[in-house]
Amino acid sequence: MVESINHPSLDPKYKDLYDRYFPNGAGSIFTFRIKGGEKEAKKFIDSLQIFSILANVADVKSLVIHPATTTHSQCTEAELEDQGIYPNTIRLSIGTEHYEDIIWDLDQAFRKVNE
């Protein structure tokens, strides 16, 4: 159900920097591309129950946003693509909720997209 995940710990281009500056691990903020397009991305976001739809990052609560139509809505299609933002891109900022609750919420949202 996921096309790709974008996090510096997973990108060979940034892995050395990530390991140097975050030797103990870090980064609860990442983006992923859901399979499909904007419709599937928005359905996923709207199906989440724990995550709040906010442009903030690094909050104590889990957050979700659709960057192409919110934080980066002023960009052209070429600028969005250059920044790695597509109609199916979703940004998550993981908060301090119990990990089982977060996993449950993500799982049920993915299932709703496929209904």
Protein backbone atom coordinates (compact mmCIF):
# COMPACT_ATOMS: atom_id res chain seq x y z
CA MET A 1 0.00 0.00 0.00
CA VAL A 2 3.11 2.21 0.14
CA GLU A 3 5.02 3.21 -2.97
CA SER A 4 8.05 4.67 -1.17
CA ILE A 5 9.29 6.07 2.15
CA ASN A 6 11.44 9.18 2.51
CA HIS A 7 13.60 9.48 5.64
CA PRO A 8 17.30 10.42 5.80
CA SER A 9 18.16 7.16 7.58
CA LEU A 10 16.93 5.25 4.51
CA ASP A 11 18.49 7.39 1.78
CA PRO A 12 22.05 6.38 0.79
CA LYS A 13 22.69 10.01 -0.21
CA TYR A 14 22.13 11.20 3.40
CA LYS A 15 22.87 8.07 5.45
CA ASP A 16 26.44 9.07 6.41
CA LEU A 17 25.29 12.50 7.60
CA TYR A 18 22.35 10.97 9.44
CA ASP A 19 24.61 8.48 11.24
CA ARG A 20 27.13 11.21 12.16
CA TYR A 21 24.60 13.71 13.54
CA PHE A 22 22.14 11.21 15.03
CA PRO A 23 24.28 8.33 16.37
CA ASN A 24 21.51 7.24 18.73
CA GLY A 25 18.79 7.47 16.11
CA ALA A 26 16.35 10.31 15.62
CA GLY A 27 13.71 11.61 13.34
CA SER A 28 10.09 10.82 13.88
CA ILE A 29 9.17 12.92 10.84
CA PHE A 30 9.03 11.31 7.43
CA THR A 31 7.05 11.23 4.24
CA PHE A 32 5.72 8.33 2.26
CA ARG A 33 3.94 7.94 -1.03
CA ILE A 34 0.77 5.92 -0.79
CA LYS A 35 -0.07 3.81 -3.82
CA GLY A 36 -2.52 5.77 -5.92
CA GLY A 37 -2.82 9.52 -6.13
CA GLU A 38 -4.19 12.54 -4.31
CA LYS A 39 -7.58 10.88 -3.78
CA GLU A 40 -6.01 7.92 -1.93
CA ALA A 41 -3.71 10.21 0.05
CA LYS A 42 -6.60 12.37 1.25
CA LYS A 43 -8.77 9.35 2.04
CA PHE A 44 -5.94 7.91 4.14
CA ILE A 45 -5.46 11.21 5.99
CA ASP A 46 -9.19 11.63 6.57
CA SER A 47 -9.41 8.06 7.94
CA LEU A 48 -6.83 8.59 10.67
CA GLN A 49 -8.29 8.89 14.16
CA ILE A 50 -5.28 9.58 16.41
CA PHE A 51 -3.30 11.81 14.07
CA SER A 52 -4.19 15.51 13.89
CA ILE A 53 -4.15 17.26 10.52
CA LEU A 54 -1.65 20.04 11.22
CA ALA A 55 1.38 21.53 9.50
CA ASN A 56 3.44 21.51 12.71
CA VAL A 57 6.24 19.00 13.18
CA ALA A 58 7.87 17.46 16.24
CA ASP A 59 4.82 17.89 18.47
CA VAL A 60 3.99 15.53 21.33
CA LYS A 61 0.94 14.36 19.39
CA SER A 62 1.06 12.55 16.07
CA LEU A 63 0.43 14.77 13.07
CA VAL A 64 -0.33 14.24 9.39
CA ILE A 65 -0.46 16.58 6.41
CA HIS A 66 -0.82 16.47 2.63
CA PRO A 67 2.08 18.76 1.62
CA ALA A 68 1.13 19.21 -2.04
CA THR A 69 -2.14 20.95 -1.13
CA THR A 70 -1.09 22.64 2.11
CA THR A 71 2.48 23.58 3.08
CA HIS A 72 3.73 23.50 -0.53
CA SER A 73 0.55 24.52 -2.35
CA GLN A 74 2.23 27.65 -3.76
CA CYS A 75 4.79 25.53 -5.68
CA THR A 76 4.52 24.62 -9.32
CA GLU A 77 4.33 20.95 -10.33
CA ALA A 78 8.01 21.09 -11.34
CA GLU A 79 9.00 22.61 -7.99
CA LEU A 80 7.00 19.98 -6.11
CA GLU A 81 8.64 17.17 -8.05
CA ASP A 82 12.08 18.72 -7.50
CA GLN A 83 11.36 18.66 -3.75
CA GLY A 84 10.09 15.08 -3.86
CA ILE A 85 6.48 16.03 -3.20
CA TYR A 86 3.83 14.32 -5.30
CA PRO A 87 0.01 14.14 -5.18
CA ASN A 88 0.30 10.87 -3.20
CA THR A 89 2.87 12.19 -0.67
CA ILE A 90 1.85 12.15 3.00
CA ARG A 91 3.96 13.60 5.83
CA LEU A 92 3.78 12.03 9.26
CA SER A 93 5.20 13.37 12.51
CA ILE A 94 5.04 10.62 15.12
CA GLY A 95 4.12 11.75 18.62
CA THR A 96 4.27 10.22 22.06
CA GLU A 97 1.12 8.11 21.88
CA HIS A 98 1.61 4.41 22.58
CA TYR A 99 3.18 2.75 19.55
CA GLU A 100 0.44 0.10 19.38
CA ASP A 101 -2.20 2.84 19.09
CA ILE A 102 -0.24 4.56 16.31
CA ILE A 103 0.18 1.29 14.40
CA TRP A 104 -3.53 0.51 14.84
CA ASP A 105 -4.50 3.92 13.48
CA LEU A 106 -2.24 3.66 10.45
CA ASP A 107 -3.42 0.12 9.73
CA GLN A 108 -7.11 0.99 9.87
CA ALA A 109 -6.56 4.03 7.62
CA PHE A 110 -4.76 1.91 5.02
CA ARG A 111 -7.62 -0.59 5.10
CA LYS A 112 -10.18 2.18 4.53
CA VAL A 113 -8.31 3.41 1.46
CA ASN A 114 -8.70 -0.03 -0.08
CA GLU A 115 -12.42 -0.38 0.67
